[in-house]
Amino acid sequence: ELVQAIAKHQPAAVGLDIYMPELDQTSPAQVAKGLKVGHQTLAHELSRLPSNESLLAQALRQTPSVLSAAGFDYPAYTTTSGMRTWPVRIEGAESLPVFSRHFDQVLASLPELQAAASGQALVSVDLENGLVRHVPLVMNLADQAVPTLALEMLRVATGSPSVNVRVNSRGVEAVEVADLSVPTLPKGDIQLHFAKHKAMASRYVSAADVLQGKVDPLMLSGKLVLVGLTGAGLNDMRTTAIGETVASVHAHL
């Protein structure tokens, strides 16, 4: 419902800084499995209803949407060795430099959701003494180059066929989408320049307000819309280089 509510305002792209690797246990068919004996009729009727995954997939398919995934250095529960991604074109080399950030595994959303989205990206960020200082624009997942969330959202928004990476003898020189070219450090990362959270607060919109139609359409129309978790108890907070603790989605702004 949130994706559909955002889509009504015709955003340029919607990026979900959320992972959905498991089946929703509140889907009708999943609920039916937990019913006790004697409720066979109800269980049968529930099993005929569409799953929550199929409803979300339909919403993603009708929206210029980008899903997020997290890189892992080792196998873990629900991780895989790859995911569906739009091609990244590398100029000047056959692959990213070996010293670029590399992951062997990924925690991505369910294949049904991956197939419905317009793009996918990695959102993993390495902390430096507990702080977020750099963000890679492109990373290695096994043998495939994968862009970061903001970059993939821009590709989807501009309808570009690929993210382009220029590599020279020192490493990654720049990452390009449409007519934007971003110079990078040799690993393919950039240094973040955080603004104070107070200065950015006006760019945040409550999901509840979006669902209730209380948001100014100009906040979403034609914009790159990020959907993320902001509750402190959800363990999705990061400390910036200017000493503020903010929701991790803030790093993509």
Protein backbone atom coordinates (compact mmCIF):
# COMPACT_ATOMS: atom_id res chain seq x y z
CA GLU A 1 0.00 0.00 0.00
CA LEU A 2 2.87 2.37 0.75
CA VAL A 3 4.53 1.72 -2.62
CA GLN A 4 1.20 2.28 -4.37
CA ALA A 5 0.54 5.47 -2.39
CA ILE A 6 3.95 6.85 -3.38
CA ALA A 7 3.46 5.77 -7.01
CA LYS A 8 0.29 7.86 -7.28
CA HIS A 9 2.51 10.95 -7.17
CA GLN A 10 4.65 9.71 -10.09
CA PRO A 11 8.10 9.68 -8.46
CA ALA A 12 11.20 9.41 -10.62
CA ALA A 13 12.22 6.29 -8.69
CA VAL A 14 11.47 4.60 -5.37
CA GLY A 15 14.30 2.92 -3.46
CA LEU A 16 13.53 0.52 -0.62
CA ASP A 17 16.32 0.41 1.95
CA ILE A 18 14.73 -2.77 3.31
CA TYR A 19 15.50 -6.49 2.85
CA MET A 20 12.69 -9.02 2.40
CA PRO A 21 14.37 -12.45 2.11
CA GLU A 22 11.66 -14.52 3.80
CA LEU A 23 7.98 -15.27 3.16
CA ASP A 24 5.56 -13.02 5.03
CA GLN A 25 4.03 -15.20 7.74
CA THR A 26 0.85 -13.07 7.67
CA SER A 27 0.08 -14.07 4.08
CA PRO A 28 -3.26 -15.91 3.85
CA ALA A 29 -1.71 -19.24 2.86
CA GLN A 30 0.85 -19.02 5.68
CA VAL A 31 -1.90 -18.27 8.19
CA ALA A 32 -3.89 -21.23 6.85
CA LYS A 33 -1.03 -23.58 7.69
CA GLY A 34 -1.31 -22.62 11.34
CA LEU A 35 -5.02 -23.27 11.69
CA LYS A 36 -6.08 -26.14 13.90
CA VAL A 37 -8.03 -29.18 12.75
CA GLY A 38 -11.67 -28.30 12.17
CA HIS A 39 -10.97 -25.17 10.16
CA GLN A 40 -10.37 -26.89 6.82
CA THR A 41 -12.92 -24.75 4.99
CA LEU A 42 -11.38 -21.51 6.24
CA ALA A 43 -7.88 -22.80 5.47
CA HIS A 44 -8.96 -23.68 1.92
CA GLU A 45 -10.45 -20.24 1.34
CA LEU A 46 -7.35 -18.51 2.72
CA SER A 47 -5.04 -20.59 0.51
CA ARG A 48 -6.90 -19.31 -2.57
CA LEU A 49 -6.09 -15.67 -1.78
CA PRO A 50 -3.02 -13.98 -3.29
CA SER A 51 0.09 -13.94 -1.13
CA ASN A 52 1.44 -10.71 0.30
CA GLU A 53 4.54 -11.27 -1.85
CA SER A 54 2.48 -11.34 -5.05
CA LEU A 55 0.66 -8.14 -4.05
CA LEU A 56 3.93 -6.38 -3.30
CA ALA A 57 5.46 -7.68 -6.53
CA GLN A 58 2.54 -6.21 -8.46
CA ALA A 59 3.07 -2.83 -6.80
CA LEU A 60 6.82 -2.93 -7.51
CA ARG A 61 6.20 -3.89 -11.12
CA GLN A 62 3.97 -0.85 -11.62
CA THR A 63 6.50 1.53 -10.02
CA PRO A 64 10.06 2.55 -10.98
CA SER A 65 11.35 0.65 -7.96
CA VAL A 66 14.76 -0.39 -6.68
CA LEU A 67 15.35 -3.04 -4.01
CA SER A 68 18.27 -3.11 -1.61
CA ALA A 69 20.52 -5.99 -0.62
CA ALA A 70 23.29 -6.46 1.92
CA GLY A 71 26.67 -7.96 1.12
CA PHE A 72 28.10 -10.71 3.33
CA ASP A 73 31.67 -11.96 3.54
CA TYR A 74 30.44 -15.44 4.53
CA PRO A 75 27.37 -17.65 4.05
CA ALA A 76 24.54 -17.03 6.50
CA TYR A 77 20.87 -17.87 6.87
CA THR A 78 18.94 -16.77 3.73
CA THR A 79 22.07 -15.46 1.92
CA THR A 80 22.84 -16.49 -1.66
CA SER A 81 25.82 -16.23 -3.98
CA GLY A 82 24.15 -13.76 -6.36
CA MET A 83 21.05 -11.78 -7.27
CA ARG A 84 19.30 -10.27 -10.27
CA THR A 85 20.95 -7.00 -11.30
CA TRP A 86 20.98 -4.64 -14.24
CA PRO A 87 24.30 -4.79 -16.11
CA VAL A 88 27.22 -2.58 -15.06
CA ARG A 89 29.49 -1.66 -17.97
CA ILE A 90 33.20 -1.43 -17.17
CA GLU A 91 35.50 0.59 -19.43
CA GLY A 92 39.27 0.18 -19.32
CA ALA A 93 39.31 -3.27 -17.71
CA GLU A 94 37.50 -6.59 -17.75
CA SER A 95 36.33 -6.26 -14.14
CA LEU A 96 36.52 -4.06 -11.08
CA PRO A 97 39.92 -3.86 -9.36
CA VAL A 98 40.65 -6.74 -7.00
CA PHE A 99 40.96 -4.27 -4.11
CA SER A 100 37.43 -2.91 -4.61
CA ARG A 101 34.93 -3.90 -1.92
CA HIS A 102 34.07 -7.54 -2.52
CA PHE A 103 31.34 -9.79 -1.11
CA ASP A 104 30.91 -13.54 -1.60
CA GLN A 105 27.29 -13.67 -0.42
CA VAL A 106 24.26 -11.40 -0.42
CA LEU A 107 21.11 -11.01 1.65
CA ALA A 108 18.55 -10.04 -0.98
CA SER A 109 14.77 -10.03 -1.23
CA LEU A 110 12.77 -13.02 -2.47
CA PRO A 111 13.24 -13.90 -6.17
CA GLU A 112 9.61 -12.98 -6.88
CA LEU A 113 10.26 -9.45 -5.62
CA GLN A 114 13.61 -9.19 -7.39
CA ALA A 115 11.96 -10.06 -10.69
CA ALA A 116 9.30 -7.38 -10.20
CA ALA A 117 11.59 -4.45 -9.34
CA SER A 118 13.17 -2.17 -11.93
CA GLY A 119 16.58 -2.53 -10.33
CA GLN A 120 18.61 -3.82 -7.39
CA ALA A 121 21.56 -2.45 -5.47
CA LEU A 122 23.86 -3.09 -2.54
CA VAL A 123 23.65 -0.81 0.48
CA SER A 124 26.51 -2.21 2.58
CA VAL A 125 28.83 0.35 4.12
CA ASP A 126 32.00 -0.38 6.08
CA LEU A 127 32.41 1.58 9.31
CA GLU A 128 35.63 3.40 10.08
CA ASN A 129 36.18 3.51 13.85
CA GLY A 130 32.44 3.17 14.18
CA LEU A 131 31.66 6.02 11.78
CA VAL A 132 30.29 6.22 8.24
CA ARG A 133 32.83 8.20 6.22
CA HIS A 134 32.84 6.57 2.78
CA VAL A 135 30.26 4.88 0.59
CA PRO A 136 31.21 2.67 -2.38
CA LEU A 137 29.36 3.55 -5.57
CA VAL A 138 30.04 0.12 -7.05
CA MET A 139 31.01 -3.19 -5.45
CA ASN A 140 31.89 -6.77 -6.40
CA LEU A 141 29.35 -9.47 -5.58
CA ALA A 142 31.16 -12.70 -6.39
CA ASP A 143 32.03 -11.98 -10.05
CA GLN A 144 29.39 -9.34 -10.79
CA ALA A 145 29.68 -5.58 -10.39
CA VAL A 146 26.73 -4.10 -8.47
CA PRO A 147 25.96 -0.40 -7.93
CA THR A 148 24.91 1.26 -4.69
CA LEU A 149 21.30 2.29 -4.05
CA ALA A 150 21.38 5.99 -4.94
CA LEU A 151 23.23 5.26 -8.18
CA GLU A 152 20.81 2.54 -9.26
CA MET A 153 17.85 4.78 -8.44
CA LEU A 154 19.31 7.44 -10.72
CA ARG A 155 19.75 4.87 -13.50
CA VAL A 156 16.12 3.80 -13.19
CA ALA A 157 14.91 7.40 -13.01
CA THR A 158 16.78 8.41 -16.17
CA GLY A 159 15.99 5.22 -18.06
CA SER A 160 19.69 4.64 -18.64
CA PRO A 161 20.67 1.22 -20.01
CA SER A 162 23.53 0.75 -17.56
CA VAL A 163 25.81 2.15 -14.90
CA ASN A 164 29.23 2.80 -16.42
CA VAL A 165 32.49 2.43 -14.51
CA ARG A 166 35.77 3.89 -15.84
CA VAL A 167 38.87 2.06 -14.68
CA ASN A 168 42.49 3.10 -15.17
CA SER A 169 45.85 1.73 -13.97
CA ARG A 170 45.26 3.02 -10.43
CA GLY A 171 41.75 1.67 -10.02
CA VAL A 172 38.26 3.09 -10.47
CA GLU A 173 38.42 6.58 -11.93
CA ALA A 174 34.73 7.50 -12.14
CA VAL A 175 31.23 6.06 -12.08
CA GLU A 176 28.70 7.39 -14.59
CA VAL A 177 24.93 7.36 -15.06
CA ALA A 178 23.25 9.28 -17.90
CA ASP A 179 25.10 12.63 -18.06
CA LEU A 180 26.39 12.43 -14.47
CA SER A 181 30.03 11.47 -13.92
CA VAL A 182 31.22 11.06 -10.31
CA PRO A 183 34.98 10.93 -9.68
CA THR A 184 35.83 8.25 -7.14
CA LEU A 185 38.67 6.97 -5.05
CA PRO A 186 40.53 3.96 -6.55
CA LYS A 187 38.28 1.43 -4.77
CA GLY A 188 35.20 3.02 -6.34
CA ASP A 189 34.07 4.82 -3.20
CA ILE A 190 33.41 8.46 -2.38
CA GLN A 191 33.81 10.47 0.79
CA LEU A 192 30.52 11.58 2.28
CA HIS A 193 29.88 15.18 3.28
CA PHE A 194 27.03 15.01 5.78
CA ALA A 195 24.74 17.92 6.49
CA LYS A 196 23.31 18.34 9.97
CA HIS A 197 20.20 16.22 10.46
CA LYS A 198 18.26 19.35 11.44
CA ALA A 199 18.97 20.82 8.01
CA MET A 200 17.75 17.64 6.32
CA ALA A 201 14.61 17.11 8.43
CA SER A 202 12.35 18.85 5.91
CA ARG A 203 13.17 16.14 3.37
CA TYR A 204 11.72 13.39 5.57
CA VAL A 205 8.10 12.35 5.12
CA SER A 206 6.12 10.09 7.44
CA ALA A 207 4.95 6.85 5.80
CA ALA A 208 1.71 7.19 7.77
CA ASP A 209 1.12 10.63 6.23
CA VAL A 210 1.74 9.23 2.76
CA LEU A 211 -0.78 6.43 3.33
CA GLN A 212 -3.34 8.91 4.67
CA GLY A 213 -2.86 11.34 1.78
CA LYS A 214 -1.55 14.13 4.00
CA VAL A 215 1.66 14.80 2.09
CA ASP A 216 2.23 17.66 -0.33
CA PRO A 217 2.40 15.93 -3.76
CA LEU A 218 5.39 18.12 -4.68
CA MET A 219 7.41 16.27 -2.01
CA LEU A 220 7.19 13.06 -4.07
CA SER A 221 6.34 14.00 -7.66
CA GLY A 222 9.35 13.54 -9.94
CA LYS A 223 11.59 12.87 -6.94
CA LEU A 224 13.97 10.10 -5.95
CA VAL A 225 12.06 8.63 -2.99
CA LEU A 226 13.88 6.57 -0.38
CA VAL A 227 11.91 4.28 1.94
CA GLY A 228 13.78 3.37 5.11
CA LEU A 229 13.45 2.60 8.81
CA THR A 230 13.94 5.48 11.24
CA GLY A 231 12.97 3.97 14.61
CA ALA A 232 15.92 3.90 17.00
CA GLY A 233 14.85 0.51 18.35
CA LEU A 234 15.02 -1.10 14.90
CA ASN A 235 18.83 -1.25 15.04
CA ASP A 236 19.24 0.51 11.70
CA MET A 237 21.11 3.56 12.95
CA ARG A 238 24.57 4.83 12.00
CA THR A 239 26.92 7.49 13.34
CA THR A 240 28.10 10.05 10.80
CA ALA A 241 31.49 11.69 10.54
CA ILE A 242 30.04 14.85 12.16
CA GLY A 243 29.02 12.88 15.24
CA GLU A 244 25.27 12.50 14.71
CA THR A 245 23.43 9.19 15.04
CA VAL A 246 20.92 8.94 12.21
CA ALA A 247 18.91 6.31 10.35
CA SER A 248 21.13 4.46 7.89
CA VAL A 249 18.93 5.59 4.99
CA HIS A 250 20.30 9.09 5.69
CA ALA A 251 23.62 8.05 4.10
CA HIS A 252 21.93 7.72 0.70
CA LEU A 253 20.62 11.29 0.78
